């Protein structure tokens, strides 16, 4: 099961935000939130909000356990560009683009491996079989040594 959250048209450059999202991919939600809270970047704060939203979606909508969640994928797409103008040198007007981003975080639950426990009776039976094999080997060795000693005495 997966939960998804998206923040659209966030006023942050996609190239800088991708640096942050690559760090949290594959990490557990707890580790990812700790990493994002200790980063000194605007994009880390925004990605953190999206991550919290995705975990809330997983808990409330899909009834998943927060402790088993990890960041399956986190990616940033380009949003619309706001085209603005500024005065440049010698009264020339330059274009100043304000780039926006669409931040998406997908959170999934880890597959919990169930350990296969063997019934006690089966393990006891296997131990008995092993003991029987050992006893058989010992008796065959004794018989073989007796035969060898008899042949030596006859010679």
C-alpha atoms as a PDB file:
ATOM      1  CA  UNK A   1       0.000   0.000   0.000  1.00  0.00           C
ATOM      2  CA  UNK A   2       1.232   3.435  -0.899  1.00  0.00           C
ATOM      3  CA  UNK A   3       0.288   6.922   0.197  1.00  0.00           C
ATOM      4  CA  UNK A   4       1.075   9.984  -1.850  1.00  0.00           C
ATOM      5  CA  UNK A   5       1.243  13.719  -1.183  1.00  0.00           C
ATOM      6  CA  UNK A   6       1.979  16.558  -3.589  1.00  0.00           C
ATOM      7  CA  UNK A   7       2.698  20.251  -3.144  1.00  0.00           C
ATOM      8  CA  UNK A   8       2.079  22.119  -6.373  1.00  0.00           C
ATOM      9  CA  UNK A   9       3.525  25.434  -7.621  1.00  0.00           C
ATOM     10  CA  UNK A  10       5.877  25.912  -4.682  1.00  0.00           C
ATOM     11  CA  UNK A  11       8.122  28.919  -5.178  1.00  0.00           C
ATOM     12  CA  UNK A  12      11.466  27.117  -4.995  1.00  0.00           C
ATOM     13  CA  UNK A  13      13.870  26.138  -7.775  1.00  0.00           C
ATOM     14  CA  UNK A  14      13.462  22.459  -8.798  1.00  0.00           C
ATOM     15  CA  UNK A  15      17.190  21.876  -9.236  1.00  0.00           C
ATOM     16  CA  UNK A  16      17.917  22.817  -5.611  1.00  0.00           C
ATOM     17  CA  UNK A  17      14.971  20.800  -4.327  1.00  0.00           C
ATOM     18  CA  UNK A  18      16.103  17.633  -6.116  1.00  0.00           C
ATOM     19  CA  UNK A  19      19.271  17.668  -4.015  1.00  0.00           C
ATOM     20  CA  UNK A  20      17.135  17.285  -0.904  1.00  0.00           C
ATOM     21  CA  UNK A  21      14.706  14.683  -2.266  1.00  0.00           C
ATOM     22  CA  UNK A  22      17.520  12.391  -3.393  1.00  0.00           C
ATOM     23  CA  UNK A  23      18.815  12.222   0.173  1.00  0.00           C
ATOM     24  CA  UNK A  24      15.595  10.873   1.670  1.00  0.00           C
ATOM     25  CA  UNK A  25      14.691   8.228  -0.925  1.00  0.00           C
ATOM     26  CA  UNK A  26      14.638   4.733   0.550  1.00  0.00           C
ATOM     27  CA  UNK A  27      14.976   5.935   4.148  1.00  0.00           C
ATOM     28  CA  UNK A  28      12.464   5.246   6.884  1.00  0.00           C
ATOM     29  CA  UNK A  29      10.048   8.090   7.579  1.00  0.00           C
ATOM     30  CA  UNK A  30      11.589   8.732  10.979  1.00  0.00           C
ATOM     31  CA  UNK A  31      15.127   8.985   9.565  1.00  0.00           C
ATOM     32  CA  UNK A  32      13.950  11.197   6.712  1.00  0.00           C
ATOM     33  CA  UNK A  33      12.177  13.663   9.033  1.00  0.00           C
ATOM     34  CA  UNK A  34      15.280  13.843  11.237  1.00  0.00           C
ATOM     35  CA  UNK A  35      17.480  14.541   8.220  1.00  0.00           C
ATOM     36  CA  UNK A  36      15.154  17.225   6.865  1.00  0.00           C
ATOM     37  CA  UNK A  37      14.795  18.978  10.222  1.00  0.00           C
ATOM     38  CA  UNK A  38      18.578  19.339  10.488  1.00  0.00           C
ATOM     39  CA  UNK A  39      19.102  20.764   6.992  1.00  0.00           C
ATOM     40  CA  UNK A  40      19.507  24.483   6.565  1.00  0.00           C
ATOM     41  CA  UNK A  41      17.608  24.819   3.270  1.00  0.00           C
ATOM     42  CA  UNK A  42      14.257  26.257   2.307  1.00  0.00           C
ATOM     43  CA  UNK A  43      13.510  23.243   0.141  1.00  0.00           C
ATOM     44  CA  UNK A  44      14.149  20.892   3.110  1.00  0.00           C
ATOM     45  CA  UNK A  45      11.407  22.637   5.059  1.00  0.00           C
ATOM     46  CA  UNK A  46       8.976  22.327   2.143  1.00  0.00           C
ATOM     47  CA  UNK A  47       9.802  18.656   1.466  1.00  0.00           C
ATOM     48  CA  UNK A  48       9.354  17.970   5.182  1.00  0.00           C
ATOM     49  CA  UNK A  49       5.793  19.335   5.020  1.00  0.00           C
ATOM     50  CA  UNK A  50       4.989  17.106   2.056  1.00  0.00           C
ATOM     51  CA  UNK A  51       6.508  14.082   3.818  1.00  0.00           C
ATOM     52  CA  UNK A  52       4.397  14.698   6.922  1.00  0.00           C
ATOM     53  CA  UNK A  53       1.321  14.986   4.731  1.00  0.00           C
ATOM     54  CA  UNK A  54       2.097  11.679   3.012  1.00  0.00           C
ATOM     55  CA  UNK A  55       2.569   9.886   6.345  1.00  0.00           C
ATOM     56  CA  UNK A  56      -0.701  11.359   7.615  1.00  0.00           C
ATOM     57  CA  UNK A  57      -2.444  10.084   4.473  1.00  0.00           C
ATOM     58  CA  UNK A  58      -0.975   6.626   5.058  1.00  0.00           C
ATOM     59  CA  UNK A  59      -2.059   6.544   8.706  1.00  0.00           C
ATOM     60  CA  UNK A  60      -5.549   8.010   8.364  1.00  0.00           C
ATOM     61  CA  UNK A  61      -6.708   6.861   4.940  1.00  0.00           C
ATOM     62  CA  UNK A  62      -4.966   3.487   4.586  1.00  0.00           C
ATOM     63  CA  UNK A  63      -4.613   2.588   8.301  1.00  0.00           C
ATOM     64  CA  UNK A  64      -0.874   1.853   7.977  1.00  0.00           C
ATOM     65  CA  UNK A  65       1.541   1.770  10.902  1.00  0.00           C
ATOM     66  CA  UNK A  66       3.853   4.787  11.019  1.00  0.00           C
ATOM     67  CA  UNK A  67       6.777   2.699  12.320  1.00  0.00           C
ATOM     68  CA  UNK A  68       6.793   0.495   9.200  1.00  0.00           C
ATOM     69  CA  UNK A  69       6.688   3.340   6.659  1.00  0.00           C
ATOM     70  CA  UNK A  70       9.552   4.319   4.374  1.00  0.00           C
ATOM     71  CA  UNK A  71       9.998   6.856   1.571  1.00  0.00           C
ATOM     72  CA  UNK A  72       9.456   4.844  -1.596  1.00  0.00           C
ATOM     73  CA  UNK A  73      10.110   7.768  -3.906  1.00  0.00           C
ATOM     74  CA  UNK A  74      10.405  11.514  -3.749  1.00  0.00           C
ATOM     75  CA  UNK A  75      10.669  13.589  -6.887  1.00  0.00           C
ATOM     76  CA  UNK A  76      10.378  17.173  -8.086  1.00  0.00           C
ATOM     77  CA  UNK A  77       8.867  18.310 -11.366  1.00  0.00           C
ATOM     78  CA  UNK A  78       9.060  21.764 -12.919  1.00  0.00           C
ATOM     79  CA  UNK A  79       6.089  24.010 -12.303  1.00  0.00           C
ATOM     80  CA  UNK A  80       5.023  27.100 -14.196  1.00  0.00           C
ATOM     81  CA  UNK A  81       7.578  29.880 -14.517  1.00  0.00           C
ATOM     82  CA  UNK A  82       6.590  33.329 -13.304  1.00  0.00           C
ATOM     83  CA  UNK A  83       8.067  35.829 -15.763  1.00  0.00           C
ATOM     84  CA  UNK A  84       8.960  39.111 -14.105  1.00  0.00           C
ATOM     85  CA  UNK A  85      11.014  42.130 -15.182  1.00  0.00           C
ATOM     86  CA  UNK A  86      13.835  44.034 -13.513  1.00  0.00           C
ATOM     87  CA  UNK A  87      15.847  47.034 -14.465  1.00  0.00           C
ATOM     88  CA  UNK A  88      19.242  46.044 -15.756  1.00  0.00           C
ATOM     89  CA  UNK A  89      22.273  48.117 -16.527  1.00  0.00           C
ATOM     90  CA  UNK A  90      21.856  51.401 -18.459  1.00  0.00           C
ATOM     91  CA  UNK A  91      18.049  51.429 -17.911  1.00  0.00           C
ATOM     92  CA  UNK A  92      17.675  48.201 -19.801  1.00  0.00           C
ATOM     93  CA  UNK A  93      14.856  45.860 -18.674  1.00  0.00           C
ATOM     94  CA  UNK A  94      15.931  42.267 -17.986  1.00  0.00           C
ATOM     95  CA  UNK A  95      13.647  39.314 -17.599  1.00  0.00           C
ATOM     96  CA  UNK A  96      13.712  37.694 -14.163  1.00  0.00           C
ATOM     97  CA  UNK A  97      12.189  34.201 -14.110  1.00  0.00           C
ATOM     98  CA  UNK A  98      10.810  32.858 -10.846  1.00  0.00           C
ATOM     99  CA  UNK A  99      10.782  29.076 -11.145  1.00  0.00           C
ATOM    100  CA  UNK A 100       8.289  26.919  -9.289  1.00  0.00           C
ATOM    101  CA  UNK A 101       8.185  23.226  -8.428  1.00  0.00           C
ATOM    102  CA  UNK A 102       5.761  20.377  -7.905  1.00  0.00           C
ATOM    103  CA  UNK A 103       7.077  18.258  -4.995  1.00  0.00           C
ATOM    104  CA  UNK A 104       5.763  14.689  -4.705  1.00  0.00           C
ATOM    105  CA  UNK A 105       6.521  12.161  -1.963  1.00  0.00           C
ATOM    106  CA  UNK A 106       5.311   8.550  -2.025  1.00  0.00           C
ATOM    107  CA  UNK A 107       5.385   6.586   1.214  1.00  0.00           C
ATOM    108  CA  UNK A 108       4.942   2.792   1.414  1.00  0.00           C
ATOM    109  CA  UNK A 109       4.885   0.165   4.113  1.00  0.00           C
ATOM    110  CA  UNK A 110       7.812  -2.212   4.535  1.00  0.00           C
ATOM    111  CA  UNK A 111       7.049  -5.869   3.980  1.00  0.00           C
ATOM    112  CA  UNK A 112       7.296  -7.498   7.388  1.00  0.00           C
ATOM    113  CA  UNK A 113       9.025 -10.854   7.133  1.00  0.00           C
ATOM    114  CA  UNK A 114       7.207 -13.493   9.139  1.00  0.00           C
ATOM    115  CA  UNK A 115       9.593 -16.019  10.603  1.00  0.00           C
ATOM    116  CA  UNK A 116       8.479 -19.562   9.983  1.00  0.00           C
ATOM    117  CA  UNK A 117       8.511 -21.366  13.305  1.00  0.00           C
ATOM    118  CA  UNK A 118       8.695 -25.134  13.249  1.00  0.00           C
ATOM    119  CA  UNK A 119       6.546 -27.135  15.624  1.00  0.00           C
ATOM    120  CA  UNK A 120       8.401 -28.636  18.567  1.00  0.00           C
ATOM    121  CA  UNK A 121       7.393 -32.201  17.702  1.00  0.00           C
ATOM    122  CA  UNK A 122       9.080 -32.088  14.293  1.00  0.00           C
ATOM    123  CA  UNK A 123      12.374 -30.877  15.717  1.00  0.00           C
ATOM    124  CA  UNK A 124      12.329 -33.622  18.356  1.00  0.00           C
ATOM    125  CA  UNK A 125      11.696 -36.249  15.686  1.00  0.00           C
ATOM    126  CA  UNK A 126      14.604 -34.956  13.607  1.00  0.00           C
ATOM    127  CA  UNK A 127      16.905 -35.095  16.627  1.00  0.00           C
ATOM    128  CA  UNK A 128      15.830 -38.704  17.307  1.00  0.00           C
ATOM    129  CA  UNK A 129      16.568 -39.626  13.685  1.00  0.00           C
ATOM    130  CA  UNK A 130      20.023 -38.105  13.933  1.00  0.00           C
ATOM    131  CA  UNK A 131      20.698 -40.036  17.146  1.00  0.00           C
ATOM    132  CA  UNK A 132      19.581 -43.294  15.507  1.00  0.00           C
ATOM    133  CA  UNK A 133      21.914 -42.675  12.571  1.00  0.00           C
ATOM    134  CA  UNK A 134      24.808 -42.075  14.946  1.00  0.00           C
ATOM    135  CA  UNK A 135      24.019 -45.292  16.836  1.00  0.00           C
ATOM    136  CA  UNK A 136      23.847 -47.266  13.576  1.00  0.00           C
ATOM    137  CA  UNK A 137      27.225 -45.902  12.456  1.00  0.00           C
ATOM    138  CA  UNK A 138      28.812 -46.840  15.790  1.00  0.00           C
ATOM    139  CA  UNK A 139      27.439 -50.397  15.647  1.00  0.00           C
ATOM    140  CA  UNK A 140      28.643 -50.857  12.081  1.00  0.00           C
ATOM    141  CA  UNK A 141      32.097 -49.660  13.087  1.00  0.00           C
ATOM    142  CA  UNK A 142      32.177 -52.156  15.982  1.00  0.00           C
ATOM    143  CA  UNK A 143      31.130 -55.017  13.712  1.00  0.00           C
ATOM    144  CA  UNK A 144      33.722 -53.992  11.145  1.00  0.00           C
ATOM    145  CA  UNK A 145      36.484 -53.856  13.783  1.00  0.00           C
ATOM    146  CA  UNK A 146      35.485 -57.283  15.147  1.00  0.00           C
ATOM    147  CA  UNK A 147      35.676 -58.781  11.669  1.00  0.00           C
ATOM    148  CA  UNK A 148      39.047 -57.171  11.101  1.00  0.00           C
ATOM    149  CA  UNK A 149      40.440 -58.561  14.379  1.00  0.00           C
ATOM    150  CA  UNK A 150      39.158 -62.073  13.564  1.00  0.00           C
ATOM    151  CA  UNK A 151      40.862 -62.033  10.186  1.00  0.00           C
ATOM    152  CA  UNK A 152      44.127 -60.893  11.761  1.00  0.00           C
ATOM    153  CA  UNK A 153      43.995 -63.704  14.343  1.00  0.00           C
ATOM    154  CA  UNK A 154      43.414 -66.312  11.651  1.00  0.00           C
ATOM    155  CA  UNK A 155      46.431 -65.102   9.688  1.00  0.00           C
END
